[in-house]
Amino acid sequence: MKITLRQLRYLDALAAERHFGRAADRVSVSQPALSAQIRELEEALGCQLVERATSGTRLTPAGLAIVERGRRILAEAVDLEAFARAAADPEAGSLRLGVIPSIGPYLLPKLLSALADAFPALKVGIRETVTTTLVGELQDGGLDLIISSLPLGDPSFVEMPVFTDAFLLATPATGPLALGAFGSASDIPTETLLLLEDGHCLRDQTLASCGALDSRRLTHSGVTSLATILQLVAAGQGVTLLPELFLAATPLDAGRVRLCRFSDPEPHRTVGLAWRRSNPLSGLCERIAGLTARLKPAADGIPA
């Protein structure tokens, strides 16, 4: 009996979900069909891959090792399909593009329009989520290209910076927090700093810009949107660092929020694109990176 890509995909889903029912939903098949394919894979390999118990499902050490190797095989299969598309016409196929939430809403409107003009036959699918998830999906072949903050640090990726995105200080226009003079990000009192929730790379970058902070004094919240952070600042709840990319695309109420730049060296992030080195669409990705580099929104109304 031969091993199939379908079996490897089903095992990968089971490894991610650790539950047969949820794994079946993940790959859009019935639970009996998924279970049967996993058993056939075990028979083909001659070893047990899954521990089945009433308390839950877990992979055996062999199962974990097979999943790791299987993911590389699945990624290669995806690249094989991409190679065929690229050989026919890379600009007439499909491109799966991932982007982080603190970039997507502010860059995508112009980028998608530019892509439609430059590559009218290219079908672009968008996936917006946090960096860790995007990196995993890029590694596994679920995405062709991602836009995020760099560096990502994966040697299997090509990383191409496209522009620098400065962080500005946003404070309430009135009230006690409007009176503070912050010459640098490290001068911000920890207890006044508003951040996105854990998992967002912008949170980590903000913390890095602010130097050593006592995390026990941070204001804790479940905020996932820069727009919500801005409203909290306007309401006098705290201060924050906001990327220029966001501010250039967001109308501000000058009567409620004040912006100012930090002295040099100005805190910032590097926005860029990344794709697998093995991806046959690399040439297309490079062209898209060049296109993206010209699309940083004008910062009208932002302090110079």
Protein backbone atom coordinates (compact mmCIF):
# COMPACT_ATOMS: atom_id res chain seq x y z
CA MET A 1 0.00 0.00 0.00
CA LYS A 2 1.37 3.41 -0.99
CA ILE A 3 1.41 6.57 1.10
CA THR A 4 -0.74 9.41 -0.30
CA LEU A 5 -0.61 13.17 0.11
CA ARG A 6 -4.18 13.03 1.35
CA GLN A 7 -3.12 10.79 4.25
CA LEU A 8 -0.31 13.18 5.15
CA ARG A 9 -2.71 16.15 5.05
CA TYR A 10 -5.15 14.32 7.32
CA LEU A 11 -2.40 13.42 9.79
CA ASP A 12 -1.21 17.04 9.75
CA ALA A 13 -4.75 18.19 10.55
CA LEU A 14 -4.98 15.69 13.41
CA ALA A 15 -1.66 16.89 14.79
CA ALA A 16 -2.93 20.48 14.73
CA GLU A 17 -6.36 19.77 16.25
CA ARG A 18 -5.61 16.70 18.44
CA HIS A 19 -9.22 15.65 17.95
CA PHE A 20 -10.61 13.48 15.15
CA GLY A 21 -13.84 15.46 14.79
CA ARG A 22 -12.15 18.87 14.61
CA ALA A 23 -9.47 17.50 12.28
CA ALA A 24 -12.17 16.16 9.95
CA ASP A 25 -13.86 19.58 9.92
CA ARG A 26 -10.50 21.22 9.19
CA VAL A 27 -10.04 19.19 5.98
CA SER A 28 -13.78 19.09 5.12
CA VAL A 29 -14.32 15.32 5.33
CA SER A 30 -16.33 13.05 7.60
CA GLN A 31 -14.70 11.74 10.77
CA PRO A 32 -14.93 8.07 9.66
CA ALA A 33 -13.21 8.96 6.37
CA LEU A 34 -10.37 10.71 8.17
CA SER A 35 -10.00 7.86 10.69
CA ALA A 36 -9.86 5.30 7.90
CA GLN A 37 -7.13 7.20 6.07
CA ILE A 38 -5.05 7.52 9.24
CA ARG A 39 -5.33 3.76 9.85
CA GLU A 40 -4.31 3.04 6.26
CA LEU A 41 -1.28 5.31 6.73
CA GLU A 42 -0.32 3.43 9.89
CA GLU A 43 -0.62 0.13 8.02
CA ALA A 44 1.45 1.43 5.12
CA LEU A 45 4.19 2.66 7.45
CA GLY A 46 4.00 -0.29 9.80
CA CYS A 47 3.89 1.72 13.00
CA GLN A 48 1.35 3.35 15.31
CA LEU A 49 1.03 7.09 14.74
CA VAL A 50 -1.87 7.99 17.04
CA GLU A 51 -2.80 7.13 20.61
CA ARG A 52 -6.57 6.76 20.74
CA ALA A 53 -8.14 7.09 24.19
CA THR A 54 -11.36 8.35 25.74
CA SER A 55 -9.37 11.13 27.40
CA GLY A 56 -8.22 12.50 24.06
CA THR A 57 -6.03 11.97 21.03
CA ARG A 58 -2.28 12.42 20.88
CA LEU A 59 0.42 11.49 18.42
CA THR A 60 3.07 8.93 19.26
CA PRO A 61 6.74 9.92 18.94
CA ALA A 62 6.74 8.23 15.55
CA GLY A 63 3.60 10.13 14.61
CA LEU A 64 5.19 13.45 15.52
CA ALA A 65 8.26 12.63 13.45
CA ILE A 66 6.10 11.61 10.47
CA VAL A 67 4.12 14.86 10.73
CA GLU A 68 7.33 16.91 10.64
CA ARG A 69 8.58 15.08 7.56
CA GLY A 70 5.14 15.04 5.99
CA ARG A 71 4.87 18.82 6.21
CA ARG A 72 8.03 19.16 4.16
CA ILE A 73 6.59 16.79 1.57
CA LEU A 74 3.30 18.71 1.46
CA ALA A 75 5.15 22.01 1.03
CA GLU A 76 7.15 20.51 -1.83
CA ALA A 77 3.92 19.32 -3.43
CA VAL A 78 2.50 22.83 -3.19
CA ASP A 79 5.66 24.21 -4.80
CA LEU A 80 5.36 21.61 -7.56
CA GLU A 81 1.87 22.89 -8.33
CA ALA A 82 3.14 26.47 -8.23
CA PHE A 83 5.98 25.54 -10.57
CA ALA A 84 3.47 24.22 -13.09
CA ARG A 85 1.44 27.43 -12.81
CA ALA A 86 4.53 29.58 -13.12
CA ALA A 87 5.77 27.60 -16.12
CA ALA A 88 2.47 28.23 -17.89
CA ASP A 89 2.08 31.89 -16.92
CA PRO A 90 2.91 33.11 -13.38
CA GLU A 91 0.90 36.29 -13.88
CA ALA A 92 -2.26 34.41 -14.86
CA GLY A 93 -2.46 32.01 -11.93
CA SER A 94 -3.24 32.52 -8.27
CA LEU A 95 -1.25 34.01 -5.41
CA ARG A 96 -1.97 33.36 -1.74
CA LEU A 97 -0.97 36.49 0.16
CA GLY A 98 -0.78 36.77 3.94
CA VAL A 99 -0.61 40.04 5.86
CA ILE A 100 -0.56 41.05 9.52
CA PRO A 101 -3.51 43.08 10.90
CA SER A 102 -1.43 46.16 11.72
CA ILE A 103 -0.46 46.48 8.03
CA GLY A 104 -3.27 44.93 5.99
CA PRO A 105 -6.07 47.52 6.26
CA TYR A 106 -3.71 50.42 5.58
CA LEU A 107 -1.64 49.01 2.72
CA LEU A 108 -3.91 46.53 0.94
CA PRO A 109 -6.34 49.02 -0.66
CA LYS A 110 -3.56 50.56 -2.73
CA LEU A 111 -1.64 47.32 -3.21
CA LEU A 112 -4.60 45.33 -4.52
CA SER A 113 -5.41 48.12 -6.95
CA ALA A 114 -1.79 48.23 -8.11
CA LEU A 115 -1.71 44.45 -8.52
CA ALA A 116 -4.90 44.53 -10.59
CA ASP A 117 -3.29 47.10 -12.89
CA ALA A 118 0.08 45.34 -13.15
CA PHE A 119 -1.20 41.74 -13.28
CA PRO A 120 -4.83 41.82 -14.47
CA ALA A 121 -5.08 38.02 -14.85
CA LEU A 122 -3.61 37.24 -11.40
CA LYS A 123 -6.07 36.01 -8.76
CA VAL A 124 -4.99 37.11 -5.28
CA GLY A 125 -6.33 35.42 -2.13
CA ILE A 126 -5.85 37.29 1.15
CA ARG A 127 -5.16 35.81 4.59
CA GLU A 128 -4.94 38.26 7.54
CA THR A 129 -3.64 36.97 10.87
CA VAL A 130 -0.74 37.31 13.32
CA THR A 131 2.88 36.82 12.29
CA THR A 132 3.41 33.43 13.94
CA THR A 133 0.49 31.91 12.04
CA LEU A 134 1.55 33.47 8.74
CA VAL A 135 5.10 32.16 9.12
CA GLY A 136 3.83 28.64 9.82
CA GLU A 137 1.52 28.71 6.80
CA LEU A 138 4.30 30.06 4.59
CA GLN A 139 6.62 27.27 5.76
CA ASP A 140 3.96 24.64 5.11
CA GLY A 141 3.07 25.93 1.65
CA GLY A 142 -0.34 27.32 2.59
CA LEU A 143 0.78 30.80 1.52
CA ASP A 144 3.00 32.01 -1.31
CA LEU A 145 3.91 35.42 0.06
CA ILE A 146 3.50 37.36 3.30
CA ILE A 147 3.73 41.04 4.24
CA SER A 148 4.89 41.65 7.80
CA SER A 149 7.51 43.27 9.94
CA LEU A 150 11.03 42.04 9.30
CA PRO A 151 13.21 40.22 10.14
CA LEU A 152 11.48 36.85 10.47
CA GLY A 153 14.71 34.89 10.82
CA ASP A 154 13.83 31.78 8.80
CA PRO A 155 16.74 30.80 6.52
CA SER A 156 14.32 29.10 4.12
CA PHE A 157 12.72 32.48 3.34
CA VAL A 158 13.73 35.31 1.07
CA GLU A 159 13.07 38.53 3.00
CA MET A 160 12.85 41.83 1.13
CA PRO A 161 12.39 45.09 3.08
CA VAL A 162 10.21 47.64 1.27
CA PHE A 163 10.00 50.66 3.60
CA THR A 164 10.54 51.90 7.15
CA ASP A 165 7.46 52.66 9.24
CA ALA A 166 8.15 55.15 12.05
CA PHE A 167 6.36 55.03 15.41
CA LEU A 168 4.80 58.24 16.69
CA LEU A 169 3.61 58.99 20.20
CA ALA A 170 -0.15 59.44 20.58
CA THR A 171 -1.44 61.11 23.75
CA PRO A 172 -4.77 62.61 24.79
CA ALA A 173 -5.03 66.25 23.72
CA THR A 174 -6.11 67.29 27.23
CA GLY A 175 -5.75 65.94 30.73
CA PRO A 176 -2.77 64.82 32.79
CA LEU A 177 -1.34 62.47 30.16
CA ALA A 178 -1.16 65.32 27.65
CA LEU A 179 1.28 67.20 29.86
CA GLY A 180 4.09 64.67 29.80
CA ALA A 181 7.12 65.38 27.65
CA PHE A 182 8.57 62.15 26.29
CA GLY A 183 11.87 62.77 24.57
CA SER A 184 12.24 59.08 23.82
CA ALA A 185 9.99 56.04 23.90
CA SER A 186 11.82 54.76 26.98
CA ASP A 187 10.55 57.81 28.93
CA ILE A 188 6.92 56.61 28.78
CA PRO A 189 5.59 55.49 32.19
CA THR A 190 4.77 51.79 31.96
CA GLU A 191 1.33 52.06 33.54
CA THR A 192 0.15 54.57 30.91
CA LEU A 193 1.14 52.49 27.87
CA LEU A 194 -1.70 50.95 25.82
CA LEU A 195 -0.83 47.92 23.68
CA LEU A 196 -2.42 45.34 21.43
CA GLU A 197 -2.99 41.94 23.01
CA ASP A 198 -0.36 39.19 23.08
CA GLY A 199 0.39 37.56 19.72
CA HIS A 200 0.64 40.77 17.71
CA CYS A 201 4.19 41.54 16.63
CA LEU A 202 3.46 45.28 16.91
CA ARG A 203 3.04 44.79 20.65
CA ASP A 204 6.51 43.22 20.86
CA GLN A 205 8.02 45.98 18.70
CA THR A 206 6.46 48.68 20.89
CA LEU A 207 7.81 47.06 24.03
CA ALA A 208 11.26 46.77 22.42
CA SER A 209 11.14 50.46 21.48
CA CYS A 210 10.28 51.41 25.05
CA GLY A 211 13.22 49.57 26.56
CA ALA A 212 13.10 47.59 29.79
CA LEU A 213 9.58 47.76 31.26
CA ASP A 214 8.01 46.13 34.29
CA SER A 215 5.34 44.01 32.57
CA ARG A 216 3.41 43.78 35.84
CA ARG A 217 2.60 47.47 35.51
CA LEU A 218 1.30 47.29 31.93
CA THR A 219 -2.34 48.05 31.24
CA HIS A 220 -3.87 44.69 30.29
CA SER A 221 -6.59 44.49 27.66
CA GLY A 222 -7.91 42.27 24.90
CA VAL A 223 -7.60 44.93 22.23
CA THR A 224 -6.80 43.61 18.75
CA SER A 225 -7.29 46.81 16.71
CA LEU A 226 -5.18 49.94 16.38
CA ALA A 227 -8.40 51.89 15.82
CA THR A 228 -9.62 50.79 19.26
CA ILE A 229 -6.27 51.73 20.84
CA LEU A 230 -6.63 55.19 19.28
CA GLN A 231 -10.11 55.60 20.77
CA LEU A 232 -8.79 54.63 24.21
CA VAL A 233 -6.10 57.29 23.91
CA ALA A 234 -8.70 59.87 22.85
CA ALA A 235 -10.73 58.95 25.94
CA GLY A 236 -7.75 59.69 28.18
CA GLN A 237 -7.09 56.06 29.11
CA GLY A 238 -3.39 56.13 28.28
CA VAL A 239 -0.77 56.77 25.63
CA THR A 240 0.60 54.57 22.86
CA LEU A 241 2.99 54.29 19.94
CA LEU A 242 1.26 54.19 16.56
CA PRO A 243 2.88 53.34 13.20
CA GLU A 244 2.99 56.05 10.56
CA LEU A 245 1.35 53.63 8.09
CA PHE A 246 -1.75 53.50 10.28
CA LEU A 247 -1.81 57.23 10.97
CA ALA A 248 -1.53 58.14 7.29
CA ALA A 249 -4.73 56.20 6.58
CA THR A 250 -6.72 57.17 9.68
CA PRO A 251 -8.58 60.47 10.25
CA LEU A 252 -7.69 61.99 13.62
CA ASP A 253 -9.68 64.28 15.87
CA ALA A 254 -7.06 66.88 16.74
CA GLY A 255 -9.20 68.03 19.64
CA ARG A 256 -8.86 64.64 21.33
CA VAL A 257 -5.51 63.17 20.25
CA ARG A 258 -2.08 64.72 19.96
CA LEU A 259 0.77 63.24 17.90
CA CYS A 260 4.45 63.91 18.15
CA ARG A 261 7.66 62.37 16.88
CA PHE A 262 10.49 61.16 19.05
CA SER A 263 13.99 62.51 18.80
CA ASP A 264 16.51 60.48 16.82
CA PRO A 265 16.98 57.56 16.71
CA GLU A 266 13.27 57.39 15.94
CA PRO A 267 11.61 54.07 16.89
CA HIS A 268 10.33 52.22 13.82
CA ARG A 269 9.61 48.87 12.21
CA THR A 270 10.75 47.53 8.86
CA VAL A 271 7.87 46.49 6.61
CA GLY A 272 8.74 43.86 4.05
CA LEU A 273 7.76 40.78 2.08
CA ALA A 274 8.86 37.18 2.54
CA TRP A 275 8.49 33.99 0.49
CA ARG A 276 10.03 30.53 0.39
CA ARG A 277 13.31 30.33 -1.50
CA SER A 278 11.99 27.20 -3.23
CA ASN A 279 8.82 28.88 -4.48
CA PRO A 280 8.75 28.95 -8.30
CA LEU A 281 6.81 32.21 -8.05
CA SER A 282 9.89 33.98 -6.63
CA GLY A 283 10.23 36.19 -9.70
CA LEU A 284 6.64 37.35 -9.34
CA CYS A 285 7.15 37.91 -5.60
CA GLU A 286 10.17 40.13 -6.31
CA ARG A 287 8.12 42.24 -8.71
CA ILE A 288 5.35 42.59 -6.14
CA ALA A 289 7.92 43.65 -3.53
CA GLY A 290 9.17 46.36 -5.88
CA LEU A 291 5.60 47.49 -6.45
CA THR A 292 4.87 47.56 -2.70
CA ALA A 293 7.94 49.70 -2.00
CA ARG A 294 6.33 52.55 -3.92
CA LEU A 295 3.05 52.40 -2.03
CA LYS A 296 3.82 53.75 1.42
CA PRO A 297 0.95 56.20 2.01
CA ALA A 298 1.77 59.90 2.19
CA ALA A 299 1.87 61.10 5.78
CA ASP A 300 -0.16 64.28 5.28
CA GLY A 301 -1.03 65.90 8.59
CA ILE A 302 1.53 63.89 10.56
CA PRO A 303 4.21 65.91 12.38
CA ALA A 304 7.40 66.13 10.34
